[in-house]
């Protein structure tokens, strides 16, 4: 790196820190602030950052580390559970958005080819931005977060195939689309087979030696992620696919948690350069003439895409709240959309004005969707009545009131709720379990536990429950606001039995006690107490 490059990075970092501090004081999302800083330092602004160079390299490293960590924390059991809905939702959203987007683009006066490019660009969402936002909100492990990640992976696979097909179509001599697709499938199978072989025979033994040094473990993780990402890019799949696959191949090992914890800070630092680069790449040539089209298409992405996902998931019998939160994750267009537009321009299919239009829509939707995701829970509560109408649509829910007598209505069959249901039934109590994950409900095989799907935030769902016969309502959901909504709904329906709600923090526990919950369950405190007693007994022996 030349001295000028070092000074440039220092100046970019200083400006980013200042913009980030200002955004924090104004309570604005850092992602939007960093994209704005990228516009300032890019060709449109000060001209410090070019399309290629040091910042681009650091941005690519950040993307690789981010998706490596996503794959590292991926539970293959969850993939099997959410795979069908992710595939159906992802392909359905791509299809519907493309069709309606094409019709809207035609209505705005575009020719058929330009309208097709614009419509396809509107279908893809940014995996990197969404994963970062959901990770910061700790929602990756929630049902809508898992479905969103699967949906975005489906989109990424589709966009890779689209770009390969366009490239093959654009070759005027000897282009053979079926042969190109067959070659892509062969390369993909080879890449997957190599990852499986490494995961089965090489990585567990190699990590046993590498993990003797924590510094070497971190270095190995980054080197492995970047190497597989480079191989994937060389094969034509893009570095993102390879980095994700590298993380998946290490997920079954016992070292994934230690490796993941040490790479979080590096991920956050390197992702700064991705957002800077994204802002620097935005072009605004002829933007003034594109205002009307940009507004219409941006509203379609911000409102139409979430609505499409919501309706598809409602048809798949998922609660409206889950469908809505999942839908908000596709309310922006991806960096792949900008790449697709550049590819179309390079092939001579669209002009510079179309590229500029897609760029403006990208900036508006990325900024707007960031706010939608950050405040998704508040928005969901504001739209509770509208979502409730979707949930109560005919055929969407089986009433729970037809079941026999129950002693306990238990919300949540997860890691805490499932064993708790087993303990209650072992003591002779009859349990009716409510969970908003249809797959978890469908797989329920516990003796004495009847499972139905529903949401704790759906006050109207309480009408279908046998509240008059239940002696206690238990919530194993650790979200304070959700528990408050459930408690309010129980009192609205004049429930007279006992209540036992879960809290993961002292503040939440105090608020639940102040709301006159009969029993506040604090699993972490109980675990600490039990572990302390066991350790004390062991030490005395």
Protein backbone atom coordinates (compact mmCIF):
# COMPACT_ATOMS: atom_id res chain seq x y z
CA UNK A 1 0.00 0.00 0.00
CA UNK A 2 1.35 3.41 -0.98
CA UNK A 3 1.57 6.21 1.62
CA UNK A 4 -1.23 7.97 -0.25
CA UNK A 5 -3.45 4.91 0.17
CA UNK A 6 -2.74 4.79 3.90
CA UNK A 7 -3.64 8.46 4.29
CA UNK A 8 -6.76 7.91 2.20
CA UNK A 9 -7.98 5.08 4.42
CA UNK A 10 -7.25 7.18 7.50
CA UNK A 11 -9.27 10.10 6.10
CA UNK A 12 -12.17 7.82 5.12
CA UNK A 13 -12.20 6.23 8.58
CA UNK A 14 -12.14 9.62 10.31
CA UNK A 15 -15.02 10.90 8.18
CA UNK A 16 -16.99 7.70 8.75
CA UNK A 17 -16.49 7.92 12.51
CA UNK A 18 -17.70 11.55 12.50
CA UNK A 19 -20.77 10.71 10.39
CA UNK A 20 -21.48 7.67 12.56
CA UNK A 21 -21.28 9.77 15.74
CA UNK A 22 -23.66 12.32 14.25
CA UNK A 23 -26.09 9.57 13.25
CA UNK A 24 -25.95 8.09 16.76
CA UNK A 25 -26.73 11.48 18.31
CA UNK A 26 -29.65 11.88 15.91
CA UNK A 27 -30.75 8.27 16.58
CA UNK A 28 -30.42 7.31 12.92
CA UNK A 29 -29.29 3.90 11.57
CA UNK A 30 -25.55 3.59 11.07
CA UNK A 31 -26.03 1.76 7.77
CA UNK A 32 -27.76 4.77 6.20
CA UNK A 33 -25.06 7.07 7.63
CA UNK A 34 -22.23 4.96 6.18
CA UNK A 35 -23.91 4.78 2.74
CA UNK A 36 -24.23 8.57 2.88
CA UNK A 37 -20.55 8.83 3.79
CA UNK A 38 -19.78 6.61 0.79
CA UNK A 39 -21.62 9.04 -1.49
CA UNK A 40 -19.56 11.91 -0.03
CA UNK A 41 -16.19 10.18 -0.55
CA UNK A 42 -17.16 8.58 -3.89
CA UNK A 43 -16.96 9.92 -7.45
CA UNK A 44 -20.18 11.89 -6.98
CA UNK A 45 -18.69 13.75 -4.00
CA UNK A 46 -15.05 14.27 -3.05
CA UNK A 47 -13.73 11.56 -5.34
CA UNK A 48 -11.59 9.87 -2.67
CA UNK A 49 -12.90 6.37 -3.34
CA UNK A 50 -12.98 4.75 -6.79
CA UNK A 51 -14.90 1.68 -7.95
CA UNK A 52 -11.77 -0.46 -7.58
CA UNK A 53 -9.01 -0.15 -5.03
CA UNK A 54 -8.22 -0.56 -1.36
CA UNK A 55 -11.76 0.15 -0.12
CA UNK A 56 -13.18 -2.36 -2.61
CA UNK A 57 -10.81 -5.07 -1.38
CA UNK A 58 -11.68 -4.42 2.27
CA UNK A 59 -15.39 -4.43 1.38
CA UNK A 60 -15.06 -7.85 -0.25
CA UNK A 61 -13.28 -9.18 2.83
CA UNK A 62 -16.08 -7.84 5.02
CA UNK A 63 -18.74 -9.56 2.92
CA UNK A 64 -16.81 -12.81 3.05
CA UNK A 65 -16.44 -12.69 6.86
CA UNK A 66 -20.12 -11.79 7.34
CA UNK A 67 -21.50 -14.63 5.25
CA UNK A 68 -18.91 -17.01 6.70
CA UNK A 69 -20.30 -16.25 10.17
CA UNK A 70 -23.88 -16.73 8.93
CA UNK A 71 -22.98 -20.15 7.58
CA UNK A 72 -21.00 -20.94 10.72
CA UNK A 73 -24.08 -20.46 12.88
CA UNK A 74 -26.43 -22.26 10.55
CA UNK A 75 -28.30 -25.18 12.06
CA UNK A 76 -28.89 -27.83 9.38
CA UNK A 77 -31.99 -29.00 11.26
CA UNK A 78 -33.44 -25.51 10.89
CA UNK A 79 -32.61 -25.54 7.18
CA UNK A 80 -34.66 -28.70 6.75
CA UNK A 81 -37.52 -27.14 8.72
CA UNK A 82 -37.60 -23.76 6.91
CA UNK A 83 -36.32 -24.94 3.51
CA UNK A 84 -39.73 -25.58 1.88
CA UNK A 85 -41.25 -22.25 2.94
CA UNK A 86 -38.03 -20.38 2.03
CA UNK A 87 -38.02 -21.97 -1.42
CA UNK A 88 -41.73 -21.36 -2.03
CA UNK A 89 -41.59 -17.78 -0.73
CA UNK A 90 -38.33 -16.92 -2.49
CA UNK A 91 -39.38 -18.22 -5.91
CA UNK A 92 -42.92 -16.89 -5.50
CA UNK A 93 -41.70 -13.42 -4.58
CA UNK A 94 -39.25 -13.35 -7.52
CA UNK A 95 -42.01 -14.39 -9.93
CA UNK A 96 -44.71 -12.00 -8.71
CA UNK A 97 -42.35 -9.03 -8.31
CA UNK A 98 -40.95 -9.58 -11.82
CA UNK A 99 -44.40 -9.75 -13.42
CA UNK A 100 -45.94 -6.78 -11.60
CA UNK A 101 -42.71 -4.77 -11.85
CA UNK A 102 -42.61 -5.36 -15.60
CA UNK A 103 -46.20 -4.16 -16.01
CA UNK A 104 -45.49 -1.05 -13.90
CA UNK A 105 -42.34 -0.29 -15.92
CA UNK A 106 -44.29 -0.63 -19.18
CA UNK A 107 -46.95 1.73 -17.81
CA UNK A 108 -44.17 4.26 -17.09
CA UNK A 109 -43.28 4.28 -20.79
CA UNK A 110 -40.27 1.97 -20.93
CA UNK A 111 -39.64 -0.41 -23.80
CA UNK A 112 -40.08 -4.15 -23.17
CA UNK A 113 -36.36 -4.99 -22.68
CA UNK A 114 -35.66 -2.06 -20.34
CA UNK A 115 -38.84 -2.83 -18.40
CA UNK A 116 -37.70 -6.45 -18.02
CA UNK A 117 -34.30 -5.42 -16.65
CA UNK A 118 -35.88 -2.96 -14.22
CA UNK A 119 -38.46 -5.53 -13.07
CA UNK A 120 -35.83 -8.22 -12.45
CA UNK A 121 -33.63 -5.73 -10.60
CA UNK A 122 -36.52 -4.99 -8.23
CA UNK A 123 -36.88 -8.64 -7.20
CA UNK A 124 -33.55 -9.16 -5.43
CA UNK A 125 -32.82 -8.05 -1.85
CA UNK A 126 -29.49 -7.48 -0.14
CA UNK A 127 -28.43 -10.53 1.87
CA UNK A 128 -25.56 -8.61 3.47
CA UNK A 129 -27.64 -5.67 4.70
CA UNK A 130 -30.52 -7.83 5.94
CA UNK A 131 -28.30 -10.31 7.76
CA UNK A 132 -26.43 -7.44 9.43
CA UNK A 133 -29.66 -5.77 10.59
CA UNK A 134 -31.23 -9.01 11.85
CA UNK A 135 -27.98 -9.95 13.58
CA UNK A 136 -27.83 -6.57 15.35
CA UNK A 137 -31.46 -7.03 16.48
CA UNK A 138 -30.76 -10.63 17.53
CA UNK A 139 -33.56 -11.87 15.29
CA UNK A 140 -31.60 -14.31 13.12
CA UNK A 141 -32.66 -17.21 15.35
CA UNK A 142 -36.33 -16.22 15.35
CA UNK A 143 -38.68 -17.87 12.88
CA UNK A 144 -38.97 -14.89 10.54
CA UNK A 145 -35.19 -14.42 10.63
CA UNK A 146 -34.53 -18.04 9.66
CA UNK A 147 -37.08 -17.90 6.84
CA UNK A 148 -35.65 -14.57 5.63
CA UNK A 149 -32.11 -15.98 5.42
CA UNK A 150 -33.37 -18.98 3.45
CA UNK A 151 -35.41 -16.73 1.17
CA UNK A 152 -32.40 -14.51 0.49
CA UNK A 153 -30.21 -17.51 -0.32
CA UNK A 154 -32.83 -18.62 -2.88
CA UNK A 155 -32.75 -15.12 -4.38
CA UNK A 156 -28.95 -15.15 -4.58
CA UNK A 157 -29.01 -18.47 -6.45
CA UNK A 158 -31.61 -17.10 -8.88
CA UNK A 159 -29.65 -13.90 -9.56
CA UNK A 160 -26.45 -15.86 -10.24
CA UNK A 161 -28.30 -18.02 -12.77
CA UNK A 162 -29.87 -14.93 -14.35
CA UNK A 163 -26.51 -13.19 -14.79
CA UNK A 164 -24.92 -16.34 -16.21
CA UNK A 165 -27.79 -16.72 -18.67
CA UNK A 166 -27.54 -13.05 -19.69
CA UNK A 167 -23.80 -13.35 -20.21
CA UNK A 168 -24.26 -16.44 -22.36
CA UNK A 169 -27.10 -14.76 -24.29
CA UNK A 170 -24.95 -11.69 -24.86
CA UNK A 171 -22.16 -13.68 -26.50
CA UNK A 172 -22.86 -13.22 -30.19
CA UNK A 173 -20.63 -16.08 -31.27
CA UNK A 174 -20.93 -19.59 -30.00
CA UNK A 175 -23.21 -18.72 -27.08
CA UNK A 176 -25.06 -21.80 -25.83
CA UNK A 177 -27.36 -21.15 -22.90
CA UNK A 178 -28.24 -24.82 -22.12
CA UNK A 179 -24.56 -25.76 -22.19
CA UNK A 180 -23.69 -22.84 -19.90
CA UNK A 181 -26.39 -23.85 -17.41
CA UNK A 182 -25.24 -27.47 -17.46
CA UNK A 183 -21.67 -26.33 -16.83
CA UNK A 184 -22.84 -24.21 -13.90
CA UNK A 185 -24.67 -27.18 -12.38
CA UNK A 186 -21.59 -29.37 -12.75
CA UNK A 187 -19.38 -26.76 -11.09
CA UNK A 188 -21.90 -26.30 -8.30
CA UNK A 189 -22.09 -30.01 -7.58
CA UNK A 190 -18.31 -30.21 -7.56
CA UNK A 191 -18.08 -27.31 -5.10
CA UNK A 192 -20.67 -28.89 -2.80
CA UNK A 193 -18.99 -32.29 -3.00
CA UNK A 194 -15.64 -30.77 -2.08
CA UNK A 195 -17.18 -28.98 0.92
CA UNK A 196 -18.83 -32.21 2.12
CA UNK A 197 -15.57 -34.15 1.86
CA UNK A 198 -13.67 -31.46 3.76
CA UNK A 199 -16.40 -31.33 6.41
CA UNK A 200 -16.37 -35.10 6.82
CA UNK A 201 -12.71 -36.07 6.67
CA UNK A 202 -10.36 -33.07 6.85
CA UNK A 203 -11.67 -30.10 8.86
CA UNK A 204 -12.41 -31.87 12.22
CA UNK A 205 -8.86 -33.29 12.42
CA UNK A 206 -7.22 -30.10 11.15
CA UNK A 207 -9.12 -27.84 13.58
CA UNK A 208 -8.06 -30.06 16.49
CA UNK A 209 -4.47 -28.95 15.89
CA UNK A 210 -5.23 -25.37 14.81
CA UNK A 211 -7.38 -24.64 17.91
CA UNK A 212 -4.37 -25.08 20.22
CA UNK A 213 -3.64 -21.43 19.46
CA UNK A 214 -6.55 -18.96 19.56
CA UNK A 215 -4.71 -16.52 17.30
CA UNK A 216 -4.09 -19.26 14.75
CA UNK A 217 -7.75 -20.31 14.94
CA UNK A 218 -8.88 -16.81 13.94
CA UNK A 219 -6.32 -16.62 11.14
CA UNK A 220 -7.35 -20.05 9.85
CA UNK A 221 -11.03 -19.09 9.88
CA UNK A 222 -10.49 -15.93 7.84
CA UNK A 223 -8.07 -17.64 5.45
CA UNK A 224 -10.43 -20.56 4.90
CA UNK A 225 -13.45 -18.29 4.33
CA UNK A 226 -11.62 -16.05 1.85
CA UNK A 227 -10.02 -19.02 0.04
CA UNK A 228 -13.34 -20.81 -0.54
CA UNK A 229 -14.91 -17.48 -1.52
CA UNK A 230 -12.13 -16.92 -4.09
CA UNK A 231 -12.60 -20.44 -5.46
CA UNK A 232 -16.35 -19.90 -5.74
CA UNK A 233 -15.81 -16.63 -7.57
CA UNK A 234 -13.38 -18.29 -9.97
CA UNK A 235 -16.03 -20.93 -10.70
CA UNK A 236 -18.54 -18.18 -11.51
CA UNK A 237 -20.78 -18.33 -8.43
CA UNK A 238 -19.60 -15.20 -6.69
CA UNK A 239 -17.55 -14.90 -3.52
CA UNK A 240 -20.68 -14.64 -1.35
CA UNK A 241 -21.75 -18.24 -2.10
CA UNK A 242 -18.28 -19.59 -1.30
CA UNK A 243 -17.95 -17.69 1.98
CA UNK A 244 -21.35 -18.93 3.13
CA UNK A 245 -20.49 -22.51 2.13
CA UNK A 246 -17.21 -22.27 4.05
CA UNK A 247 -19.11 -21.36 7.20
CA UNK A 248 -21.60 -24.20 6.70
CA UNK A 249 -18.75 -26.71 6.39
CA UNK A 250 -17.37 -25.63 9.80
CA UNK A 251 -20.78 -25.41 11.51
CA UNK A 252 -20.84 -29.06 12.73
CA UNK A 253 -17.46 -28.72 14.49
CA UNK A 254 -17.09 -28.02 18.21
CA UNK A 255 -15.03 -24.90 17.51
CA UNK A 256 -17.67 -22.87 15.70
CA UNK A 257 -18.78 -20.84 18.74
CA UNK A 258 -15.22 -19.89 19.72
CA UNK A 259 -14.38 -18.95 16.14
CA UNK A 260 -17.59 -17.00 15.63
CA UNK A 261 -17.18 -14.98 18.84
CA UNK A 262 -13.68 -13.85 17.85
CA UNK A 263 -14.66 -12.75 14.33
CA UNK A 264 -17.62 -10.51 15.23
CA UNK A 265 -15.51 -7.38 15.79
CA UNK A 266 -13.55 -7.96 12.58
CA UNK A 267 -16.84 -8.40 10.71
CA UNK A 268 -18.25 -5.10 11.98
CA UNK A 269 -15.09 -3.20 11.07
CA UNK A 270 -14.77 -4.61 7.55
CA UNK A 271 -18.48 -4.15 6.78
CA UNK A 272 -17.97 -0.42 7.18
CA UNK A 273 -16.05 -0.49 3.90
CA UNK A 274 -18.85 -2.40 2.18
CA UNK A 275 -21.38 0.31 2.99
CA UNK A 276 -18.88 3.01 2.01
CA UNK A 277 -18.27 1.27 -1.29
CA UNK A 278 -22.00 0.84 -1.88
CA UNK A 279 -22.56 4.57 -1.44
CA UNK A 280 -19.55 5.39 -3.63
CA UNK A 281 -20.89 3.25 -6.49
CA UNK A 282 -24.23 5.05 -6.65
CA UNK A 283 -24.57 7.16 -9.81
CA UNK A 284 -27.09 9.94 -10.34
CA UNK A 285 -26.74 10.79 -14.04
CA UNK A 286 -30.07 12.14 -15.31
CA UNK A 287 -31.67 11.69 -11.90
CA UNK A 288 -33.90 14.77 -12.26
CA UNK A 289 -35.76 13.24 -15.21
CA UNK A 290 -36.32 9.98 -13.32
CA UNK A 291 -38.08 11.31 -10.21
CA UNK A 292 -41.61 10.09 -11.02
CA UNK A 293 -40.51 6.62 -12.09
CA UNK A 294 -38.15 6.35 -9.09
CA UNK A 295 -40.92 7.24 -6.63
CA UNK A 296 -43.39 4.75 -8.14
CA UNK A 297 -40.88 1.89 -8.28
CA UNK A 298 -39.52 2.64 -4.79
CA UNK A 299 -43.03 2.51 -3.34
CA UNK A 300 -43.62 -0.78 -5.16
CA UNK A 301 -40.50 -2.29 -3.56
CA UNK A 302 -41.13 -0.83 -0.09
CA UNK A 303 -44.82 -1.80 0.01
CA UNK A 304 -45.41 -4.34 -2.73
CA UNK A 305 -42.58 -6.77 -1.97
CA UNK A 306 -43.51 -7.18 1.73
CA UNK A 307 -47.18 -7.57 0.76
CA UNK A 308 -46.33 -10.31 -1.77
CA UNK A 309 -44.33 -12.25 0.85
CA UNK A 310 -47.07 -11.75 3.46
CA UNK A 311 -49.74 -13.18 1.16
CA UNK A 312 -47.60 -16.12 0.06
CA UNK A 313 -46.80 -17.05 3.67
CA UNK A 314 -50.45 -16.60 4.66
CA UNK A 315 -51.36 -19.07 1.91
CA UNK A 316 -48.80 -21.45 3.44
CA UNK A 317 -50.67 -21.11 6.78
CA UNK A 318 -48.04 -19.05 8.56
CA UNK A 319 -49.18 -16.42 11.09
CA UNK A 320 -49.58 -12.95 9.57
CA UNK A 321 -47.10 -11.49 12.06
CA UNK A 322 -44.36 -13.87 10.90
CA UNK A 323 -45.20 -13.20 7.25
CA UNK A 324 -45.14 -9.45 7.81
CA UNK A 325 -41.78 -9.44 9.60
CA UNK A 326 -40.32 -11.70 6.91
CA UNK A 327 -41.74 -9.49 4.19
CA UNK A 328 -40.06 -6.38 5.54
CA UNK A 329 -36.68 -7.98 4.86
CA UNK A 330 -37.28 -7.82 1.08
CA UNK A 331 -38.31 -4.16 1.03
CA UNK A 332 -35.15 -3.04 -0.77
CA UNK A 333 -33.13 -3.95 -3.84
CA UNK A 334 -29.75 -5.62 -3.71
CA UNK A 335 -26.23 -4.70 -4.71
CA UNK A 336 -26.76 -7.53 -7.20
CA UNK A 337 -29.44 -5.34 -8.81
CA UNK A 338 -26.82 -2.66 -9.50
CA UNK A 339 -24.46 -5.31 -10.88
CA UNK A 340 -27.26 -6.66 -13.08
CA UNK A 341 -27.95 -3.16 -14.39
CA UNK A 342 -24.26 -2.63 -15.17
CA UNK A 343 -24.17 -5.99 -16.97
CA UNK A 344 -27.22 -5.07 -19.06
CA UNK A 345 -25.64 -1.73 -19.97
CA UNK A 346 -22.38 -3.45 -20.91
CA UNK A 347 -24.27 -5.87 -23.16
CA UNK A 348 -26.06 -2.97 -24.83
CA UNK A 349 -29.52 -4.03 -23.63
CA UNK A 350 -30.29 -0.89 -21.58
CA UNK A 351 -29.04 2.71 -21.61
CA UNK A 352 -27.42 4.84 -18.90
CA UNK A 353 -30.79 6.33 -17.88
CA UNK A 354 -32.08 2.90 -16.84
CA UNK A 355 -28.93 2.27 -14.79
CA UNK A 356 -29.40 5.64 -13.10
CA UNK A 357 -33.06 4.82 -12.33
CA UNK A 358 -32.17 1.49 -10.71
CA UNK A 359 -29.46 3.25 -8.71
CA UNK A 360 -31.88 5.84 -7.32
CA UNK A 361 -34.42 3.14 -6.41
CA UNK A 362 -31.59 1.24 -4.68
CA UNK A 363 -30.61 4.22 -2.53
CA UNK A 364 -34.21 5.04 -1.55
CA UNK A 365 -35.22 1.46 -0.76
CA UNK A 366 -32.05 0.55 1.14
CA UNK A 367 -32.49 3.60 3.36
CA UNK A 368 -36.23 3.12 3.76
CA UNK A 369 -36.09 -0.60 4.48
CA UNK A 370 -33.42 -0.06 7.12
CA UNK A 371 -35.89 1.99 9.12
CA UNK A 372 -38.68 -0.54 8.46
CA UNK A 373 -36.59 -3.41 9.83
CA UNK A 374 -35.23 -1.49 12.80
CA UNK A 375 -38.75 -0.49 13.87
CA UNK A 376 -40.49 -3.65 12.60
CA UNK A 377 -41.95 -4.63 15.98
CA UNK A 378 -43.53 -1.22 16.49
CA UNK A 379 -44.95 -1.21 12.96
CA UNK A 380 -46.29 -4.72 13.49
CA UNK A 381 -48.13 -3.63 16.63
CA UNK A 382 -49.60 -0.62 14.83
CA UNK A 383 -50.94 -2.90 12.08
CA UNK A 384 -52.19 -5.54 14.52
CA UNK A 385 -55.84 -5.21 13.50
CA UNK A 386 -55.11 -5.51 9.77
CA UNK A 387 -52.83 -8.50 10.32
CA UNK A 388 -55.48 -10.04 12.55
CA UNK A 389 -57.93 -10.03 9.65
CA UNK A 390 -55.47 -12.03 7.54
CA UNK A 391 -54.94 -14.50 10.39
CA UNK A 392 -58.70 -14.94 10.78
CA UNK A 393 -59.27 -15.58 7.09
CA UNK A 394 -61.28 -18.80 6.43
CA UNK A 395 -59.22 -21.96 6.51
CA UNK A 396 -56.13 -20.34 8.02
CA UNK A 397 -56.43 -21.66 11.54
CA UNK A 398 -57.85 -24.65 13.27
CA UNK A 399 -59.74 -23.59 16.38
CA UNK A 400 -58.24 -24.78 19.63
CA UNK A 401 -61.48 -24.60 21.53
CA UNK A 402 -62.60 -28.03 20.33
CA UNK A 403 -59.98 -29.80 22.42
CA UNK A 404 -60.78 -31.48 25.72
CA UNK A 405 -60.11 -30.12 29.15
CA UNK A 406 -56.67 -28.63 29.71
CA UNK A 407 -54.83 -27.56 32.83
CA UNK A 408 -52.16 -25.39 31.22
CA UNK A 409 -52.07 -23.26 28.08
CA UNK A 410 -48.37 -22.98 27.21
CA UNK A 411 -47.04 -20.42 24.71
CA UNK A 412 -43.82 -21.54 23.02
CA UNK A 413 -42.42 -25.00 22.33
CA UNK A 414 -38.79 -23.96 21.92
CA UNK A 415 -35.69 -24.92 23.87
CA UNK A 416 -37.29 -23.90 27.16
CA UNK A 417 -40.98 -24.43 26.42
CA UNK A 418 -40.63 -27.96 25.02
CA UNK A 419 -38.89 -29.47 28.08
CA UNK A 420 -41.24 -27.52 30.36
CA UNK A 421 -44.24 -29.10 28.58
CA UNK A 422 -42.66 -32.53 29.09
CA UNK A 423 -42.18 -31.83 32.79
CA UNK A 424 -45.78 -30.68 33.23
CA UNK A 425 -47.24 -33.71 31.46
CA UNK A 426 -44.97 -36.03 33.46
CA UNK A 427 -46.59 -34.53 36.57
CA UNK A 428 -50.04 -35.41 35.24
CA UNK A 429 -51.09 -32.01 33.87
CA UNK A 430 -52.85 -31.65 30.52
CA UNK A 431 -51.09 -29.10 28.28
CA UNK A 432 -52.32 -27.18 25.25
CA UNK A 433 -49.23 -25.65 23.56
CA UNK A 434 -49.36 -22.63 21.23
CA UNK A 435 -46.47 -21.86 18.89
CA UNK A 436 -46.12 -19.61 15.83
CA UNK A 437 -43.82 -22.06 14.03
CA UNK A 438 -46.06 -24.43 12.00
CA UNK A 439 -43.22 -26.92 11.55
CA UNK A 440 -42.67 -27.13 15.29
CA UNK A 441 -46.39 -27.68 15.80
CA UNK A 442 -46.55 -30.31 13.07
CA UNK A 443 -43.60 -32.24 14.52
CA UNK A 444 -45.02 -32.28 18.05
CA UNK A 445 -45.21 -35.89 19.25
CA UNK A 446 -45.28 -35.35 23.01
CA UNK A 447 -47.71 -37.50 24.94
CA UNK A 448 -50.30 -35.37 26.70
CA UNK A 449 -49.42 -32.20 24.75
CA UNK A 450 -51.78 -30.86 22.10
CA UNK A 451 -50.12 -28.26 19.85
CA UNK A 452 -51.78 -25.55 17.75
CA UNK A 453 -50.18 -22.66 15.96
CA UNK A 454 -50.91 -19.09 16.85
CA UNK A 455 -49.26 -15.89 18.01
CA UNK A 456 -49.07 -14.48 21.52
CA UNK A 457 -49.54 -11.02 20.02
CA UNK A 458 -52.84 -12.00 18.34
CA UNK A 459 -55.43 -10.96 20.91
CA UNK A 460 -58.25 -12.38 18.80
CA UNK A 461 -56.65 -15.84 18.81
CA UNK A 462 -57.47 -16.06 22.51
CA UNK A 463 -61.12 -16.43 21.51
CA UNK A 464 -60.32 -19.91 20.17
CA UNK A 465 -58.60 -21.10 23.36
CA UNK A 466 -60.37 -22.85 26.27
CA UNK A 467 -59.56 -20.07 28.74
CA UNK A 468 -62.55 -20.91 30.96
CA UNK A 469 -61.19 -24.44 31.57
CA UNK A 470 -57.47 -23.63 31.86
CA UNK A 471 -56.04 -23.27 35.35
CA UNK A 472 -52.86 -21.49 34.20
CA UNK A 473 -51.46 -19.68 31.15
CA UNK A 474 -47.68 -19.97 30.79
CA UNK A 475 -45.54 -17.93 28.40
CA UNK A 476 -42.00 -19.14 27.70
CA UNK A 477 -41.48 -16.22 25.29
CA UNK A 478 -38.71 -13.94 26.63
CA UNK A 479 -39.89 -10.78 24.79
CA UNK A 480 -41.29 -8.26 27.26
CA UNK A 481 -43.57 -6.42 24.81
CA UNK A 482 -45.05 -9.68 23.56
CA UNK A 483 -45.80 -10.79 27.11
CA UNK A 484 -47.44 -7.44 27.86
CA UNK A 485 -49.71 -7.82 24.83
CA UNK A 486 -50.63 -11.37 25.87
CA UNK A 487 -51.37 -10.27 29.43
CA UNK A 488 -53.55 -7.43 28.17
CA UNK A 489 -55.44 -9.86 25.93
CA UNK A 490 -56.05 -12.29 28.80
CA UNK A 491 -57.49 -9.54 30.95
CA UNK A 492 -59.59 -8.26 28.05
CA UNK A 493 -61.14 -11.75 27.81
CA UNK A 494 -61.59 -11.78 31.62
CA UNK A 495 -59.32 -14.75 32.24
CA UNK A 496 -59.46 -15.75 35.94
CA UNK A 497 -56.71 -18.38 36.17
CA UNK A 498 -53.05 -18.08 37.05
CA UNK A 499 -50.34 -16.53 34.86
CA UNK A 500 -46.66 -17.48 34.64
CA UNK A 501 -44.48 -15.46 32.24
CA UNK A 502 -40.78 -15.70 31.35
CA UNK A 503 -38.20 -12.91 31.67
CA UNK A 504 -34.55 -12.96 30.63
CA UNK A 505 -33.57 -9.77 32.44
CA UNK A 506 -34.21 -8.24 35.85
CA UNK A 507 -35.80 -5.17 34.27
CA UNK A 508 -38.31 -7.32 32.38
CA UNK A 509 -39.00 -9.37 35.51
CA UNK A 510 -39.68 -6.22 37.55
CA UNK A 511 -42.10 -4.91 34.92
CA UNK A 512 -43.98 -8.20 34.80
CA UNK A 513 -44.30 -8.27 38.58
CA UNK A 514 -45.53 -4.67 38.47
CA UNK A 515 -48.15 -5.82 35.96
CA UNK A 516 -49.33 -8.38 38.56
CA UNK A 517 -48.19 -11.56 36.84
CA UNK A 518 -48.62 -14.39 39.37
CA UNK A 519 -45.29 -16.09 38.68
CA UNK A 520 -42.27 -14.64 36.85
CA UNK A 521 -39.99 -17.36 35.54
CA UNK A 522 -36.33 -16.33 35.33
CA UNK A 523 -34.55 -19.31 33.72
CA UNK A 524 -31.09 -17.75 33.79
CA UNK A 525 -31.30 -16.95 37.50
CA UNK A 526 -32.66 -20.42 38.21
CA UNK A 527 -29.84 -21.98 36.19
CA UNK A 528 -27.23 -19.93 38.04
CA UNK A 529 -28.71 -20.94 41.39
CA UNK A 530 -28.85 -24.63 40.46
CA UNK A 531 -25.34 -24.57 38.98
CA UNK A 532 -23.98 -22.75 42.02
CA UNK A 533 -25.49 -25.31 44.40
CA UNK A 534 -24.15 -28.21 42.32
CA UNK A 535 -20.66 -26.70 42.12
CA UNK A 536 -20.64 -25.94 45.84
CA UNK A 537 -21.59 -29.54 46.60
CA UNK A 538 -18.92 -30.83 44.24
CA UNK A 539 -16.25 -28.62 45.81
CA UNK A 540 -17.20 -29.73 49.32
CA UNK A 541 -16.84 -33.37 48.28
